Amino acid sequence: MGVDVEDLIAGLRRGERRALARLLTVVEDGGESRLRHVVAALYPTTGNARVIGVTGSPGVGKSTLTNAVATQLRGRGRSVAILAVDPSSPFSGGALLGDRVRMQGHHADAGVFIRSMASRGHLGGLSFATPQAALVLDAAGFDDVIIETVGVGQSEVEVAATADTTIVALAPGMGDGVQAAKAGILEVADVFAINKADQPGAGKLESELRGMLEMGHATEDADAPAGWWPPIIRTVAVRGEEIDALMGAIDEHTRHLDDTGERDRRVRRRALHLIREIALEHVRLRFARLGQRDDPLLDDLATRVAGRDLDPYAAADELLAALEGGGA
């Protein structure tokens, strides 16, 4: 039996968790036409949730940090949705780790909704469906949406195009000072959290970070809000230590976005990013479908390139022209 998307949207608006879960499945697996339908129906009611990104390399305790932030927000009476993007299973394509297992403390709390999503090979630490899933959670009325990235290392920067505030988590003894310089983390961080700060090397890591921030100040990133200096908070998330200070930094950044007008600029940048990603995904899907069948044009181009009668760039130009003209 097929999924009735209209019924699910109506259920979402009535606050039904089952409808929310099934809509997220449609967003992740339901195909382009259903995804278009869901986004078109819900988009006018979005833009109210605060989106917090949590990123960083593996082993820094992102899930524990996310869990602790969610606990702080719940203590204020705010509703929280967590999107935990996990590596994909090479067999099923599904989320491999399942962060819901690591956040059992919230399983009975009606004010918290946790969803694991598979990255499915999408680079940048997120999956293609993550921004659309965040829109669904926004439309569902959550006060805060926390997006925890997959944690694969140097590609963990895409979350900055989706979140209002991006927390970059690091930990002592893991080479994160060097990692930050390589990965462009300085450019995406609104707040740094040195987690596991009870371990040796936390002070050294903080000094390295401050040094890199000072070096980068002369060539300040154009995307950084004017006058904002990313604070560095030392936390021990597993014990809830200094999470209140981390929340204070997040709140201060939220106020700064509003006071400087930076929020409007970020919303526009987010829209630009979303449009571009949807267009690129559409092209990827068309090429994927092309590769699933015998295509005379593609076969001819491959033969001509293999025979050195045509160079690969010229062949790609011909293929793109054919796709744009509806010939493939």
Protein backbone atom coordinates (compact mmCIF):
# COMPACT_ATOMS: atom_id res chain seq x y z
CA MET A 1 0.00 0.00 0.00
CA GLY A 2 1.40 3.39 -0.99
CA VAL A 3 2.10 6.23 1.39
CA ASP A 4 -0.49 9.02 1.42
CA VAL A 5 1.75 12.07 1.77
CA GLU A 6 -1.21 14.42 2.32
CA ASP A 7 -2.38 12.31 5.27
CA LEU A 8 1.12 12.38 6.74
CA ILE A 9 1.34 16.16 6.37
CA ALA A 10 -2.04 16.54 8.07
CA GLY A 11 -0.87 14.22 10.85
CA LEU A 12 2.31 16.24 11.28
CA ARG A 13 0.26 19.39 11.73
CA ARG A 14 -1.76 17.61 14.42
CA GLY A 15 1.46 16.79 16.24
CA GLU A 16 1.47 13.05 15.52
CA ARG A 17 4.94 11.54 16.02
CA ARG A 18 4.17 8.58 13.77
CA ALA A 19 3.36 10.94 10.90
CA LEU A 20 6.59 12.84 11.57
CA ALA A 21 8.67 9.66 11.50
CA ARG A 22 7.04 8.46 8.29
CA LEU A 23 7.47 11.87 6.61
CA LEU A 24 11.18 11.75 7.44
CA THR A 25 11.31 8.34 5.79
CA VAL A 26 9.63 9.81 2.70
CA VAL A 27 12.21 12.61 2.68
CA GLU A 28 15.06 10.11 2.94
CA ASP A 29 13.76 7.32 0.70
CA GLY A 30 10.58 8.40 -1.04
CA GLY A 31 11.90 9.65 -4.36
CA GLU A 32 12.12 13.07 -5.91
CA SER A 33 8.41 13.65 -6.61
CA ARG A 34 7.35 12.90 -3.03
CA LEU A 35 10.21 14.96 -1.64
CA ARG A 36 9.13 17.89 -3.80
CA HIS A 37 5.57 17.48 -2.56
CA VAL A 38 6.58 17.44 1.11
CA VAL A 39 8.91 20.43 0.86
CA ALA A 40 6.42 22.50 -1.17
CA ALA A 41 3.66 21.84 1.36
CA LEU A 42 5.71 22.53 4.49
CA TYR A 43 8.18 25.20 3.44
CA PRO A 44 5.91 28.24 4.05
CA THR A 45 5.52 27.22 7.72
CA THR A 46 9.25 26.81 8.40
CA GLY A 47 11.91 29.25 9.61
CA ASN A 48 11.03 29.19 13.31
CA ALA A 49 13.37 26.56 14.76
CA ARG A 50 16.91 27.34 15.86
CA VAL A 51 19.30 24.97 14.08
CA ILE A 52 22.45 23.99 15.98
CA GLY A 53 25.18 22.04 14.21
CA VAL A 54 27.64 19.82 16.08
CA THR A 55 30.67 18.70 14.10
CA GLY A 56 34.20 17.45 14.63
CA SER A 57 36.41 14.48 13.96
CA PRO A 58 35.64 10.96 15.24
CA GLY A 59 36.19 10.25 18.91
CA VAL A 60 35.72 13.75 20.28
CA GLY A 61 32.38 12.86 21.88
CA LYS A 62 29.94 14.59 19.54
CA SER A 63 27.02 12.33 20.49
CA THR A 64 27.65 12.81 24.21
CA LEU A 65 27.92 16.56 23.68
CA THR A 66 24.71 16.60 21.64
CA ASN A 67 22.96 14.62 24.34
CA ALA A 68 24.14 17.05 27.02
CA VAL A 69 23.02 20.11 25.03
CA ALA A 70 19.61 18.51 24.49
CA THR A 71 19.33 17.94 28.26
CA GLN A 72 20.09 21.62 28.92
CA LEU A 73 17.48 22.73 26.40
CA ARG A 74 14.87 20.40 27.88
CA GLY A 75 15.62 21.89 31.28
CA ARG A 76 14.44 25.20 29.85
CA GLY A 77 11.25 23.61 28.58
CA ARG A 78 12.29 23.78 24.93
CA SER A 79 11.40 20.97 22.53
CA VAL A 80 14.36 19.39 20.76
CA ALA A 81 14.82 17.34 17.61
CA ILE A 82 18.14 15.62 16.92
CA LEU A 83 19.29 14.56 13.46
CA ALA A 84 22.29 12.29 13.88
CA VAL A 85 23.97 11.59 10.56
CA ASP A 86 25.79 8.27 10.68
CA PRO A 87 28.02 6.40 8.24
CA SER A 88 26.09 4.20 5.83
CA SER A 89 26.05 0.43 5.99
CA PRO A 90 27.71 -0.92 2.83
CA PHE A 91 25.00 -3.61 2.74
CA SER A 92 21.71 -1.88 3.52
CA GLY A 93 22.60 1.77 2.91
CA GLY A 94 21.10 2.53 6.34
CA ALA A 95 22.65 4.33 9.29
CA LEU A 96 25.49 2.16 10.58
CA LEU A 97 25.83 3.28 14.20
CA GLY A 98 22.39 4.56 15.16
CA ASP A 99 22.85 7.45 17.61
CA ARG A 100 19.48 6.73 19.16
CA VAL A 101 21.24 3.89 21.00
CA ARG A 102 23.70 6.39 22.44
CA MET A 103 20.94 8.78 23.63
CA GLN A 104 18.77 6.39 25.60
CA GLY A 105 18.27 8.94 28.37
CA HIS A 106 15.76 10.82 26.22
CA HIS A 107 13.77 7.86 24.88
CA ALA A 108 10.80 8.46 27.18
CA ASP A 109 10.79 12.25 26.84
CA ALA A 110 7.99 13.45 24.58
CA GLY A 111 9.83 16.74 24.14
CA VAL A 112 12.77 15.07 22.36
CA PHE A 113 12.75 13.42 18.96
CA ILE A 114 15.86 11.59 17.72
CA ARG A 115 16.42 10.41 14.18
CA SER A 116 19.48 8.69 12.74
CA MET A 117 20.13 9.31 9.05
CA ALA A 118 22.57 7.54 6.77
CA SER A 119 25.11 9.67 4.95
CA ARG A 120 24.85 7.38 1.89
CA GLY A 121 28.21 8.45 0.61
CA HIS A 122 27.34 12.15 0.54
CA LEU A 123 30.41 14.22 1.36
CA GLY A 124 30.55 17.13 3.77
CA GLY A 125 29.42 15.27 6.89
CA LEU A 126 25.72 15.32 6.08
CA SER A 127 23.38 13.40 3.79
CA PHE A 128 21.59 15.05 0.87
CA ALA A 129 18.27 14.73 2.73
CA THR A 130 19.50 16.37 5.96
CA PRO A 131 18.45 19.98 5.15
CA GLN A 132 15.04 18.76 3.97
CA ALA A 133 14.65 16.64 7.12
CA ALA A 134 15.50 19.71 9.19
CA LEU A 135 12.70 21.58 7.38
CA VAL A 136 10.24 18.83 8.34
CA LEU A 137 11.30 19.05 12.00
CA ASP A 138 11.02 22.84 11.85
CA ALA A 139 7.49 22.52 10.44
CA ALA A 140 6.69 20.03 13.22
CA GLY A 141 7.17 22.85 15.72
CA PHE A 142 10.41 21.95 17.50
CA ASP A 143 12.14 24.88 19.17
CA ASP A 144 15.63 23.58 18.46
CA VAL A 145 16.95 21.18 15.82
CA ILE A 146 20.41 19.76 16.53
CA ILE A 147 22.30 18.27 13.59
CA GLU A 148 25.20 16.01 14.51
CA THR A 149 27.48 15.29 11.55
CA VAL A 150 28.87 11.94 10.56
CA GLY A 151 32.35 12.68 11.86
CA VAL A 152 34.60 11.58 9.04
CA GLY A 153 37.28 14.23 9.42
CA GLN A 154 38.27 16.94 6.97
CA SER A 155 34.96 17.22 5.07
CA GLU A 156 32.97 18.27 8.16
CA VAL A 157 32.13 21.75 6.93
CA GLU A 158 28.80 21.47 5.11
CA VAL A 159 26.84 21.75 8.34
CA ALA A 160 27.76 25.45 8.50
CA ALA A 161 25.54 26.04 5.46
CA THR A 162 22.58 24.48 7.29
CA ALA A 163 22.95 25.57 10.93
CA ASP A 164 22.39 28.92 12.63
CA THR A 165 25.15 28.14 15.11
CA THR A 166 27.90 25.60 14.46
CA ILE A 167 29.71 23.98 17.38
CA VAL A 168 33.06 22.44 16.51
CA ALA A 169 34.01 19.77 19.03
CA LEU A 170 37.65 18.88 19.60
CA ALA A 171 39.45 16.78 22.19
CA PRO A 172 42.98 16.80 23.59
CA GLY A 173 45.50 14.27 22.44
CA MET A 174 43.91 13.63 19.05
CA GLY A 175 45.87 16.02 16.86
CA ASP A 176 42.84 18.26 16.55
CA GLY A 177 44.92 21.42 16.40
CA VAL A 178 46.46 20.27 13.12
CA GLN A 179 43.13 18.84 11.97
CA ALA A 180 41.41 22.19 12.50
CA ALA A 181 43.96 23.98 10.34
CA LYS A 182 43.62 21.40 7.56
CA ALA A 183 39.86 21.11 7.54
CA GLY A 184 38.94 24.77 7.46
CA ILE A 185 37.29 24.30 10.86
CA LEU A 186 38.26 27.82 11.91
CA GLU A 187 36.01 29.18 9.19
CA VAL A 188 32.91 27.19 10.15
CA ALA A 189 33.08 27.34 13.95
CA ASP A 190 30.83 29.75 15.80
CA VAL A 191 31.67 28.07 19.10
CA PHE A 192 34.52 25.69 19.97
CA ALA A 193 33.96 22.94 22.53
CA ILE A 194 37.11 21.28 23.83
CA ASN A 195 35.45 18.12 25.09
CA LYS A 196 37.08 15.57 27.41
CA ALA A 197 38.80 18.60 28.94
CA ASP A 198 39.71 16.59 32.03
CA GLN A 199 42.33 14.80 29.95
CA PRO A 200 45.95 16.00 29.59
CA GLY A 201 46.58 18.46 26.81
CA ALA A 202 43.36 20.50 27.02
CA GLY A 203 45.25 23.69 27.86
CA LYS A 204 47.71 23.15 25.02
CA LEU A 205 44.86 22.57 22.56
CA GLU A 206 43.12 25.75 23.71
CA SER A 207 46.34 27.74 23.28
CA GLU A 208 46.79 26.35 19.77
CA LEU A 209 43.22 27.27 18.87
CA ARG A 210 43.58 30.80 20.19
CA GLY A 211 46.79 31.19 18.24
CA MET A 212 45.14 30.07 15.02
CA LEU A 213 42.17 32.36 15.63
CA GLU A 214 44.49 35.31 16.10
CA MET A 215 46.40 34.41 12.93
CA GLY A 216 43.13 34.22 11.00
CA HIS A 217 41.77 37.48 12.38
CA ALA A 218 43.74 39.56 9.86
CA THR A 219 42.01 37.70 7.01
CA GLU A 220 38.65 37.30 8.69
CA ASP A 221 36.21 35.01 6.92
CA ALA A 222 33.54 36.90 5.01
CA ASP A 223 30.90 34.49 6.34
CA ALA A 224 31.68 35.23 9.98
CA PRO A 225 29.24 37.62 11.70
CA ALA A 226 30.77 41.04 12.19
CA GLY A 227 32.49 41.37 15.54
CA TRP A 228 31.99 37.74 16.55
CA TRP A 229 34.96 35.95 18.09
CA PRO A 230 34.29 32.21 18.53
CA PRO A 231 34.49 31.39 22.23
CA ILE A 232 36.35 28.28 23.38
CA ILE A 233 34.54 26.29 26.05
CA ARG A 234 36.13 23.36 27.87
CA THR A 235 33.57 20.64 28.56
CA VAL A 236 33.37 17.15 30.00
CA ALA A 237 30.10 16.20 28.37
CA VAL A 238 29.91 12.72 29.86
CA ARG A 239 29.57 14.36 33.29
CA GLY A 240 27.66 17.43 32.10
CA GLU A 241 30.48 19.76 33.12
CA GLU A 242 30.45 23.28 31.61
CA ILE A 243 27.49 22.47 29.36
CA ASP A 244 25.76 25.49 30.88
CA ALA A 245 28.71 27.61 29.70
CA LEU A 246 28.43 26.07 26.24
CA MET A 247 24.72 26.89 26.15
CA GLY A 248 25.54 30.45 27.22
CA ALA A 249 27.88 30.77 24.23
CA ILE A 250 25.20 29.39 21.89
CA ASP A 251 22.64 31.85 23.26
CA GLU A 252 25.08 34.74 22.94
CA HIS A 253 25.72 33.81 19.32
CA THR A 254 21.96 33.67 18.68
CA ARG A 255 21.59 37.20 20.09
CA HIS A 256 24.54 38.37 18.03
CA LEU A 257 22.96 37.07 14.82
CA ASP A 258 19.77 38.98 15.60
CA ASP A 259 21.47 42.19 16.75
CA THR A 260 23.79 42.48 13.74
CA GLY A 261 21.32 41.40 11.05
CA GLU A 262 23.60 38.46 10.30
CA ARG A 263 20.70 36.04 10.66
CA ASP A 264 19.05 37.38 7.49
CA ARG A 265 22.30 36.98 5.57
CA ARG A 266 22.70 33.42 6.79
CA VAL A 267 19.12 32.56 5.87
CA ARG A 268 19.73 33.82 2.35
CA ARG A 269 23.03 31.91 2.13
CA ARG A 270 21.25 28.78 3.33
CA ALA A 271 18.63 29.23 0.61
CA LEU A 272 21.34 29.61 -2.02
CA HIS A 273 23.09 26.47 -0.77
CA LEU A 274 19.85 24.49 -0.78
CA ILE A 275 18.94 25.53 -4.31
CA ARG A 276 22.40 24.64 -5.56
CA GLU A 277 22.44 21.24 -3.83
CA ILE A 278 18.99 20.33 -5.19
CA ALA A 279 20.07 21.28 -8.71
CA LEU A 280 23.29 19.26 -8.40
CA GLU A 281 21.41 16.27 -7.02
CA HIS A 282 19.00 16.46 -9.95
CA VAL A 283 21.95 16.33 -12.35
CA ARG A 284 23.52 13.44 -10.40
CA LEU A 285 20.28 11.48 -10.57
CA ARG A 286 19.96 12.03 -14.30
CA PHE A 287 23.48 10.76 -14.85
CA ALA A 288 22.87 7.81 -12.53
CA ARG A 289 19.79 6.83 -14.55
CA LEU A 290 21.80 7.23 -17.72
CA GLY A 291 24.40 4.79 -16.40
CA GLN A 292 21.73 2.17 -15.68
CA ARG A 293 20.82 1.61 -19.29
CA ASP A 294 22.46 1.26 -22.67
CA ASP A 295 22.64 4.67 -24.27
CA PRO A 296 23.74 5.05 -27.89
CA LEU A 297 25.12 8.57 -27.39
CA LEU A 298 27.15 7.61 -24.32
CA ASP A 299 28.44 4.47 -26.06
CA ASP A 300 29.42 6.51 -29.11
CA LEU A 301 31.19 9.12 -26.99
CA ALA A 302 33.07 6.40 -25.08
CA THR A 303 34.17 4.79 -28.36
CA ARG A 304 35.40 8.10 -29.77
CA VAL A 305 37.29 8.97 -26.55
CA ALA A 306 38.83 5.49 -26.34
CA GLY A 307 39.93 5.82 -29.96
CA ARG A 308 41.47 9.25 -29.27
CA ASP A 309 39.10 10.84 -31.78
CA LEU A 310 37.61 13.05 -29.08
CA ASP A 311 39.01 14.33 -25.81
CA PRO A 312 37.07 13.64 -22.56
CA TYR A 313 36.16 17.29 -21.93
CA ALA A 314 34.66 17.68 -25.41
CA ALA A 315 32.76 14.41 -24.89
CA ALA A 316 31.38 15.66 -21.58
CA ASP A 317 30.30 18.89 -23.29
CA GLU A 318 28.37 16.88 -25.90
CA LEU A 319 26.71 14.76 -23.24
CA LEU A 320 25.68 17.79 -21.18
CA ALA A 321 24.30 19.50 -24.26
CA ALA A 322 22.25 16.40 -25.04
CA LEU A 323 20.93 16.22 -21.45
CA GLU A 324 20.00 19.91 -21.46
CA GLY A 325 18.21 19.43 -24.76
CA GLY A 326 16.27 16.45 -23.40
CA GLY A 327 18.10 14.02 -25.61
CA ALA A 328 19.14 11.67 -22.78
